[in-house]
């Protein structure tokens, strides 16, 4: 075998080895490049950071609306109680044209007319009124709120009391959250039929005879 023939043989063997390694590398190389790649690292970091930040932001917005509605409800209750103390608004019932008796309707209407940002106020508000026997009983007992699963919500406690009696009033407003499932809303007790409750409490004294 001449020298030229030996070089040709060696070249063919090297070409065959390269072809075989190239066939193996055709499957392994893309996988290796994928495992070594870091092109999606920024997206993963963004998702890890944005989810907690978005949860905190939505919770702050929900808390802001909760506080605003709480202030508006307290404002309406204060104005209504002022009219009650002045004797310019009746506490009793209201009868509609079809004969339906609405207990506490004038008081509820006055509260809602002087409140803002309370959607469907008159249908979402429930008023509890009773004589305050002792200071320790202020705010005690179960809260009477609207039950959305019932077509009609009867007034469980609405006692106008007698002359010179101190009256306790608790108003419950049920509203849906802006962002259900956020951290702030999940900490509030759920109401029957959905939503959460905003409460306002006050007291006044009936005029003596």
C-alpha atoms as a PDB file:
ATOM      1  CA  UNK A   1       0.000   0.000   0.000  1.00  0.00           C
ATOM      2  CA  UNK A   2       1.369   3.291  -1.043  1.00  0.00           C
ATOM      3  CA  UNK A   3       1.546   6.298   1.222  1.00  0.00           C
ATOM      4  CA  UNK A   4      -1.170   8.042  -0.737  1.00  0.00           C
ATOM      5  CA  UNK A   5      -3.486   5.064  -0.339  1.00  0.00           C
ATOM      6  CA  UNK A   6      -2.890   5.028   3.429  1.00  0.00           C
ATOM      7  CA  UNK A   7      -3.798   8.693   3.733  1.00  0.00           C
ATOM      8  CA  UNK A   8      -7.019   8.084   1.772  1.00  0.00           C
ATOM      9  CA  UNK A   9      -7.949   5.207   4.083  1.00  0.00           C
ATOM     10  CA  UNK A  10      -7.315   7.300   7.207  1.00  0.00           C
ATOM     11  CA  UNK A  11      -9.428  10.158   5.797  1.00  0.00           C
ATOM     12  CA  UNK A  12     -12.342   7.808   5.162  1.00  0.00           C
ATOM     13  CA  UNK A  13     -12.152   6.465   8.717  1.00  0.00           C
ATOM     14  CA  UNK A  14     -12.162   9.977  10.207  1.00  0.00           C
ATOM     15  CA  UNK A  15     -15.146  10.910   8.031  1.00  0.00           C
ATOM     16  CA  UNK A  16     -17.015   7.782   9.172  1.00  0.00           C
ATOM     17  CA  UNK A  17     -16.315   8.575  12.867  1.00  0.00           C
ATOM     18  CA  UNK A  18     -17.500  12.163  12.437  1.00  0.00           C
ATOM     19  CA  UNK A  19     -20.672  10.998  10.725  1.00  0.00           C
ATOM     20  CA  UNK A  20     -21.432   8.583  13.563  1.00  0.00           C
ATOM     21  CA  UNK A  21     -20.781  11.195  16.266  1.00  0.00           C
ATOM     22  CA  UNK A  22     -22.864  13.709  14.333  1.00  0.00           C
ATOM     23  CA  UNK A  23     -25.804  11.259  14.228  1.00  0.00           C
ATOM     24  CA  UNK A  24     -25.610  10.794  17.985  1.00  0.00           C
ATOM     25  CA  UNK A  25     -25.165  14.522  18.582  1.00  0.00           C
ATOM     26  CA  UNK A  26     -28.273  15.267  16.502  1.00  0.00           C
ATOM     27  CA  UNK A  27     -30.439  13.942  19.359  1.00  0.00           C
ATOM     28  CA  UNK A  28     -28.338  14.795  22.392  1.00  0.00           C
ATOM     29  CA  UNK A  29     -27.154  18.269  21.412  1.00  0.00           C
ATOM     30  CA  UNK A  30     -30.580  20.006  21.349  1.00  0.00           C
ATOM     31  CA  UNK A  31     -31.458  18.508  24.723  1.00  0.00           C
ATOM     32  CA  UNK A  32     -28.147  19.599  26.181  1.00  0.00           C
ATOM     33  CA  UNK A  33     -28.591  23.104  24.775  1.00  0.00           C
ATOM     34  CA  UNK A  34     -32.122  23.268  26.273  1.00  0.00           C
ATOM     35  CA  UNK A  35     -30.872  22.222  29.716  1.00  0.00           C
ATOM     36  CA  UNK A  36     -28.028  24.743  29.587  1.00  0.00           C
ATOM     37  CA  UNK A  37     -30.197  27.559  28.196  1.00  0.00           C
ATOM     38  CA  UNK A  38     -31.360  30.474  30.391  1.00  0.00           C
ATOM     39  CA  UNK A  39     -33.591  32.320  27.919  1.00  0.00           C
ATOM     40  CA  UNK A  40     -36.743  31.787  30.111  1.00  0.00           C
ATOM     41  CA  UNK A  41     -35.157  32.745  33.419  1.00  0.00           C
ATOM     42  CA  UNK A  42     -36.514  36.305  33.278  1.00  0.00           C
ATOM     43  CA  UNK A  43     -40.086  35.084  32.709  1.00  0.00           C
ATOM     44  CA  UNK A  44     -39.910  32.722  35.672  1.00  0.00           C
ATOM     45  CA  UNK A  45     -38.529  35.444  37.921  1.00  0.00           C
ATOM     46  CA  UNK A  46     -41.257  37.835  36.732  1.00  0.00           C
ATOM     47  CA  UNK A  47     -44.034  35.359  37.596  1.00  0.00           C
ATOM     48  CA  UNK A  48     -42.521  34.621  41.008  1.00  0.00           C
ATOM     49  CA  UNK A  49     -42.433  38.343  41.846  1.00  0.00           C
ATOM     50  CA  UNK A  50     -45.632  39.619  40.184  1.00  0.00           C
ATOM     51  CA  UNK A  51     -48.074  37.203  41.851  1.00  0.00           C
ATOM     52  CA  UNK A  52     -47.360  38.350  45.457  1.00  0.00           C
ATOM     53  CA  UNK A  53     -47.206  41.996  44.354  1.00  0.00           C
ATOM     54  CA  UNK A  54     -50.510  41.726  42.504  1.00  0.00           C
ATOM     55  CA  UNK A  55     -52.131  40.046  45.516  1.00  0.00           C
ATOM     56  CA  UNK A  56     -50.928  42.823  47.810  1.00  0.00           C
ATOM     57  CA  UNK A  57     -52.109  45.525  45.387  1.00  0.00           C
ATOM     58  CA  UNK A  58     -55.605  44.029  44.997  1.00  0.00           C
ATOM     59  CA  UNK A  59     -55.872  43.580  48.774  1.00  0.00           C
ATOM     60  CA  UNK A  60     -55.014  47.255  49.297  1.00  0.00           C
ATOM     61  CA  UNK A  61     -57.679  48.317  46.779  1.00  0.00           C
ATOM     62  CA  UNK A  62     -60.253  46.014  48.415  1.00  0.00           C
ATOM     63  CA  UNK A  63     -59.353  47.339  51.859  1.00  0.00           C
ATOM     64  CA  UNK A  64     -59.707  50.914  50.594  1.00  0.00           C
ATOM     65  CA  UNK A  65     -63.219  50.267  49.274  1.00  0.00           C
ATOM     66  CA  UNK A  66     -64.135  48.460  52.503  1.00  0.00           C
ATOM     67  CA  UNK A  67     -63.047  51.438  54.610  1.00  0.00           C
ATOM     68  CA  UNK A  68     -64.773  53.927  52.300  1.00  0.00           C
ATOM     69  CA  UNK A  69     -68.063  52.032  52.444  1.00  0.00           C
ATOM     70  CA  UNK A  70     -67.748  51.654  56.204  1.00  0.00           C
ATOM     71  CA  UNK A  71     -67.296  55.415  56.577  1.00  0.00           C
ATOM     72  CA  UNK A  72     -70.233  56.131  54.258  1.00  0.00           C
ATOM     73  CA  UNK A  73     -72.500  53.729  56.171  1.00  0.00           C
ATOM     74  CA  UNK A  74     -71.536  55.323  59.486  1.00  0.00           C
ATOM     75  CA  UNK A  75     -72.250  58.742  57.995  1.00  0.00           C
ATOM     76  CA  UNK A  76     -75.738  57.700  56.917  1.00  0.00           C
ATOM     77  CA  UNK A  77     -76.471  56.161  60.320  1.00  0.00           C
ATOM     78  CA  UNK A  78     -75.274  59.284  62.170  1.00  0.00           C
ATOM     79  CA  UNK A  79     -77.453  61.588  60.049  1.00  0.00           C
ATOM     80  CA  UNK A  80     -80.482  59.320  60.463  1.00  0.00           C
ATOM     81  CA  UNK A  81     -79.999  59.145  64.235  1.00  0.00           C
ATOM     82  CA  UNK A  82     -79.721  62.921  64.390  1.00  0.00           C
ATOM     83  CA  UNK A  83     -83.127  63.221  62.720  1.00  0.00           C
ATOM     84  CA  UNK A  84     -84.508  60.643  65.130  1.00  0.00           C
ATOM     85  CA  UNK A  85     -83.264  62.613  68.148  1.00  0.00           C
ATOM     86  CA  UNK A  86     -84.753  65.802  66.720  1.00  0.00           C
ATOM     87  CA  UNK A  87     -88.060  64.031  66.162  1.00  0.00           C
ATOM     88  CA  UNK A  88     -88.170  64.845  62.432  1.00  0.00           C
ATOM     89  CA  UNK A  89     -88.287  61.235  61.273  1.00  0.00           C
ATOM     90  CA  UNK A  90     -90.625  58.434  62.380  1.00  0.00           C
ATOM     91  CA  UNK A  91     -89.139  55.134  63.465  1.00  0.00           C
ATOM     92  CA  UNK A  92     -92.220  53.063  62.781  1.00  0.00           C
ATOM     93  CA  UNK A  93     -93.583  51.253  59.782  1.00  0.00           C
ATOM     94  CA  UNK A  94     -94.512  52.304  56.283  1.00  0.00           C
ATOM     95  CA  UNK A  95     -97.438  50.840  54.337  1.00  0.00           C
ATOM     96  CA  UNK A  96     -97.200  50.618  50.548  1.00  0.00           C
ATOM     97  CA  UNK A  97    -100.095  50.991  48.106  1.00  0.00           C
ATOM     98  CA  UNK A  98    -100.596  47.234  47.947  1.00  0.00           C
ATOM     99  CA  UNK A  99    -100.870  47.032  51.748  1.00  0.00           C
ATOM    100  CA  UNK A 100     -97.373  45.679  52.438  1.00  0.00           C
ATOM    101  CA  UNK A 101     -96.076  46.750  55.844  1.00  0.00           C
ATOM    102  CA  UNK A 102     -92.402  47.758  55.749  1.00  0.00           C
ATOM    103  CA  UNK A 103     -90.912  47.812  59.225  1.00  0.00           C
ATOM    104  CA  UNK A 104     -88.267  50.481  59.710  1.00  0.00           C
ATOM    105  CA  UNK A 105     -88.488  51.586  56.082  1.00  0.00           C
ATOM    106  CA  UNK A 106     -88.239  55.362  56.806  1.00  0.00           C
ATOM    107  CA  UNK A 107     -85.079  54.815  58.849  1.00  0.00           C
ATOM    108  CA  UNK A 108     -83.546  52.583  56.201  1.00  0.00           C
ATOM    109  CA  UNK A 109     -84.361  55.077  53.442  1.00  0.00           C
ATOM    110  CA  UNK A 110     -82.795  57.944  55.371  1.00  0.00           C
ATOM    111  CA  UNK A 111     -79.621  55.956  55.998  1.00  0.00           C
ATOM    112  CA  UNK A 112     -79.259  55.051  52.325  1.00  0.00           C
ATOM    113  CA  UNK A 113     -80.062  58.547  51.054  1.00  0.00           C
ATOM    114  CA  UNK A 114     -77.204  59.939  53.122  1.00  0.00           C
ATOM    115  CA  UNK A 115     -74.713  57.225  52.186  1.00  0.00           C
ATOM    116  CA  UNK A 116     -72.678  56.920  49.008  1.00  0.00           C
ATOM    117  CA  UNK A 117     -70.937  54.054  47.214  1.00  0.00           C
ATOM    118  CA  UNK A 118     -73.345  51.517  48.761  1.00  0.00           C
ATOM    119  CA  UNK A 119     -74.802  49.583  45.808  1.00  0.00           C
ATOM    120  CA  UNK A 120     -78.442  48.466  46.108  1.00  0.00           C
ATOM    121  CA  UNK A 121     -78.428  49.971  49.588  1.00  0.00           C
ATOM    122  CA  UNK A 122     -82.053  49.556  50.691  1.00  0.00           C
ATOM    123  CA  UNK A 123     -82.094  45.871  49.709  1.00  0.00           C
ATOM    124  CA  UNK A 124     -78.680  45.161  51.238  1.00  0.00           C
ATOM    125  CA  UNK A 125     -79.203  46.906  54.594  1.00  0.00           C
ATOM    126  CA  UNK A 126     -80.708  45.287  57.678  1.00  0.00           C
ATOM    127  CA  UNK A 127     -81.464  47.321  60.823  1.00  0.00           C
ATOM    128  CA  UNK A 128     -81.521  45.990  64.356  1.00  0.00           C
ATOM    129  CA  UNK A 129     -83.013  48.166  67.107  1.00  0.00           C
ATOM    130  CA  UNK A 130     -83.636  47.312  70.747  1.00  0.00           C
ATOM    131  CA  UNK A 131     -83.552  48.924  74.190  1.00  0.00           C
ATOM    132  CA  UNK A 132     -80.122  48.907  75.775  1.00  0.00           C
ATOM    133  CA  UNK A 133     -80.633  47.298  79.157  1.00  0.00           C
ATOM    134  CA  UNK A 134     -77.015  47.605  80.298  1.00  0.00           C
ATOM    135  CA  UNK A 135     -73.785  49.013  78.926  1.00  0.00           C
ATOM    136  CA  UNK A 136     -72.340  45.505  78.819  1.00  0.00           C
ATOM    137  CA  UNK A 137     -74.995  44.479  76.286  1.00  0.00           C
ATOM    138  CA  UNK A 138     -73.831  47.079  73.721  1.00  0.00           C
ATOM    139  CA  UNK A 139     -72.846  45.189  70.588  1.00  0.00           C
ATOM    140  CA  UNK A 140     -73.711  41.787  72.029  1.00  0.00           C
ATOM    141  CA  UNK A 141     -75.734  39.098  70.301  1.00  0.00           C
ATOM    142  CA  UNK A 142     -75.708  37.803  66.755  1.00  0.00           C
ATOM    143  CA  UNK A 143     -75.610  40.335  63.934  1.00  0.00           C
ATOM    144  CA  UNK A 144     -78.803  40.499  61.905  1.00  0.00           C
ATOM    145  CA  UNK A 145     -77.771  40.788  58.232  1.00  0.00           C
ATOM    146  CA  UNK A 146     -79.532  40.277  54.917  1.00  0.00           C
ATOM    147  CA  UNK A 147     -79.858  36.646  53.841  1.00  0.00           C
ATOM    148  CA  UNK A 148     -79.542  36.641  50.065  1.00  0.00           C
ATOM    149  CA  UNK A 149     -80.911  33.135  49.784  1.00  0.00           C
ATOM    150  CA  UNK A 150     -84.331  34.310  51.024  1.00  0.00           C
ATOM    151  CA  UNK A 151     -86.726  36.364  48.858  1.00  0.00           C
ATOM    152  CA  UNK A 152     -87.885  38.300  51.928  1.00  0.00           C
ATOM    153  CA  UNK A 153     -85.800  39.128  54.987  1.00  0.00           C
ATOM    154  CA  UNK A 154     -87.952  39.684  58.070  1.00  0.00           C
ATOM    155  CA  UNK A 155     -86.765  42.105  60.713  1.00  0.00           C
ATOM    156  CA  UNK A 156     -85.781  39.925  63.653  1.00  0.00           C
ATOM    157  CA  UNK A 157     -85.284  42.711  66.213  1.00  0.00           C
ATOM    158  CA  UNK A 158     -86.914  46.095  65.756  1.00  0.00           C
ATOM    159  CA  UNK A 159     -88.165  47.399  69.090  1.00  0.00           C
ATOM    160  CA  UNK A 160     -88.669  51.167  69.263  1.00  0.00           C
ATOM    161  CA  UNK A 161     -88.609  51.079  73.053  1.00  0.00           C
ATOM    162  CA  UNK A 162     -90.378  53.415  75.427  1.00  0.00           C
ATOM    163  CA  UNK A 163     -89.949  56.936  76.659  1.00  0.00           C
ATOM    164  CA  UNK A 164     -86.555  57.824  78.139  1.00  0.00           C
ATOM    165  CA  UNK A 165     -85.104  54.460  77.133  1.00  0.00           C
ATOM    166  CA  UNK A 166     -81.626  54.207  75.663  1.00  0.00           C
ATOM    167  CA  UNK A 167     -81.844  52.492  72.285  1.00  0.00           C
ATOM    168  CA  UNK A 168     -79.139  50.419  70.610  1.00  0.00           C
ATOM    169  CA  UNK A 169     -79.045  50.424  66.803  1.00  0.00           C
ATOM    170  CA  UNK A 170     -76.909  48.147  64.643  1.00  0.00           C
ATOM    171  CA  UNK A 171     -76.933  48.406  60.857  1.00  0.00           C
ATOM    172  CA  UNK A 172     -75.537  45.649  58.647  1.00  0.00           C
ATOM    173  CA  UNK A 173     -74.756  46.199  54.982  1.00  0.00           C
ATOM    174  CA  UNK A 174     -73.882  43.196  52.794  1.00  0.00           C
ATOM    175  CA  UNK A 175     -71.812  43.793  49.669  1.00  0.00           C
ATOM    176  CA  UNK A 176     -69.851  41.720  47.176  1.00  0.00           C
ATOM    177  CA  UNK A 177     -66.062  42.117  47.054  1.00  0.00           C
ATOM    178  CA  UNK A 178     -64.398  43.765  44.095  1.00  0.00           C
ATOM    179  CA  UNK A 179     -61.800  40.991  43.846  1.00  0.00           C
ATOM    180  CA  UNK A 180     -63.086  37.711  45.318  1.00  0.00           C
ATOM    181  CA  UNK A 181     -60.368  35.451  46.615  1.00  0.00           C
ATOM    182  CA  UNK A 182     -57.772  38.081  47.487  1.00  0.00           C
ATOM    183  CA  UNK A 183     -56.014  37.831  50.831  1.00  0.00           C
ATOM    184  CA  UNK A 184     -58.035  40.594  52.542  1.00  0.00           C
ATOM    185  CA  UNK A 185     -61.462  39.254  51.590  1.00  0.00           C
ATOM    186  CA  UNK A 186     -60.563  35.673  52.488  1.00  0.00           C
ATOM    187  CA  UNK A 187     -60.034  36.767  56.119  1.00  0.00           C
ATOM    188  CA  UNK A 188     -63.598  38.133  56.461  1.00  0.00           C
ATOM    189  CA  UNK A 189     -66.464  35.886  57.592  1.00  0.00           C
ATOM    190  CA  UNK A 190     -68.628  34.980  54.606  1.00  0.00           C
ATOM    191  CA  UNK A 191     -72.333  35.860  54.743  1.00  0.00           C
ATOM    192  CA  UNK A 192     -75.181  33.568  53.802  1.00  0.00           C
ATOM    193  CA  UNK A 193     -75.651  33.897  50.054  1.00  0.00           C
ATOM    194  CA  UNK A 194     -72.221  35.461  49.507  1.00  0.00           C
ATOM    195  CA  UNK A 195     -70.592  38.807  50.168  1.00  0.00           C
ATOM    196  CA  UNK A 196     -69.254  40.263  53.393  1.00  0.00           C
ATOM    197  CA  UNK A 197     -70.831  42.475  56.046  1.00  0.00           C
ATOM    198  CA  UNK A 198     -70.051  46.065  56.988  1.00  0.00           C
ATOM    199  CA  UNK A 199     -71.413  47.101  60.394  1.00  0.00           C
ATOM    200  CA  UNK A 200     -72.250  50.409  62.012  1.00  0.00           C
ATOM    201  CA  UNK A 201     -73.405  50.741  65.628  1.00  0.00           C
ATOM    202  CA  UNK A 202     -74.839  53.649  67.559  1.00  0.00           C
ATOM    203  CA  UNK A 203     -77.177  54.511  70.420  1.00  0.00           C
ATOM    204  CA  UNK A 204     -79.646  57.230  71.218  1.00  0.00           C
ATOM    205  CA  UNK A 205     -82.168  58.065  73.917  1.00  0.00           C
ATOM    206  CA  UNK A 206     -85.908  58.337  73.363  1.00  0.00           C
ATOM    207  CA  UNK A 207     -87.424  61.622  74.377  1.00  0.00           C
ATOM    208  CA  UNK A 208     -89.067  61.619  77.797  1.00  0.00           C
ATOM    209  CA  UNK A 209     -92.820  62.073  78.023  1.00  0.00           C
END
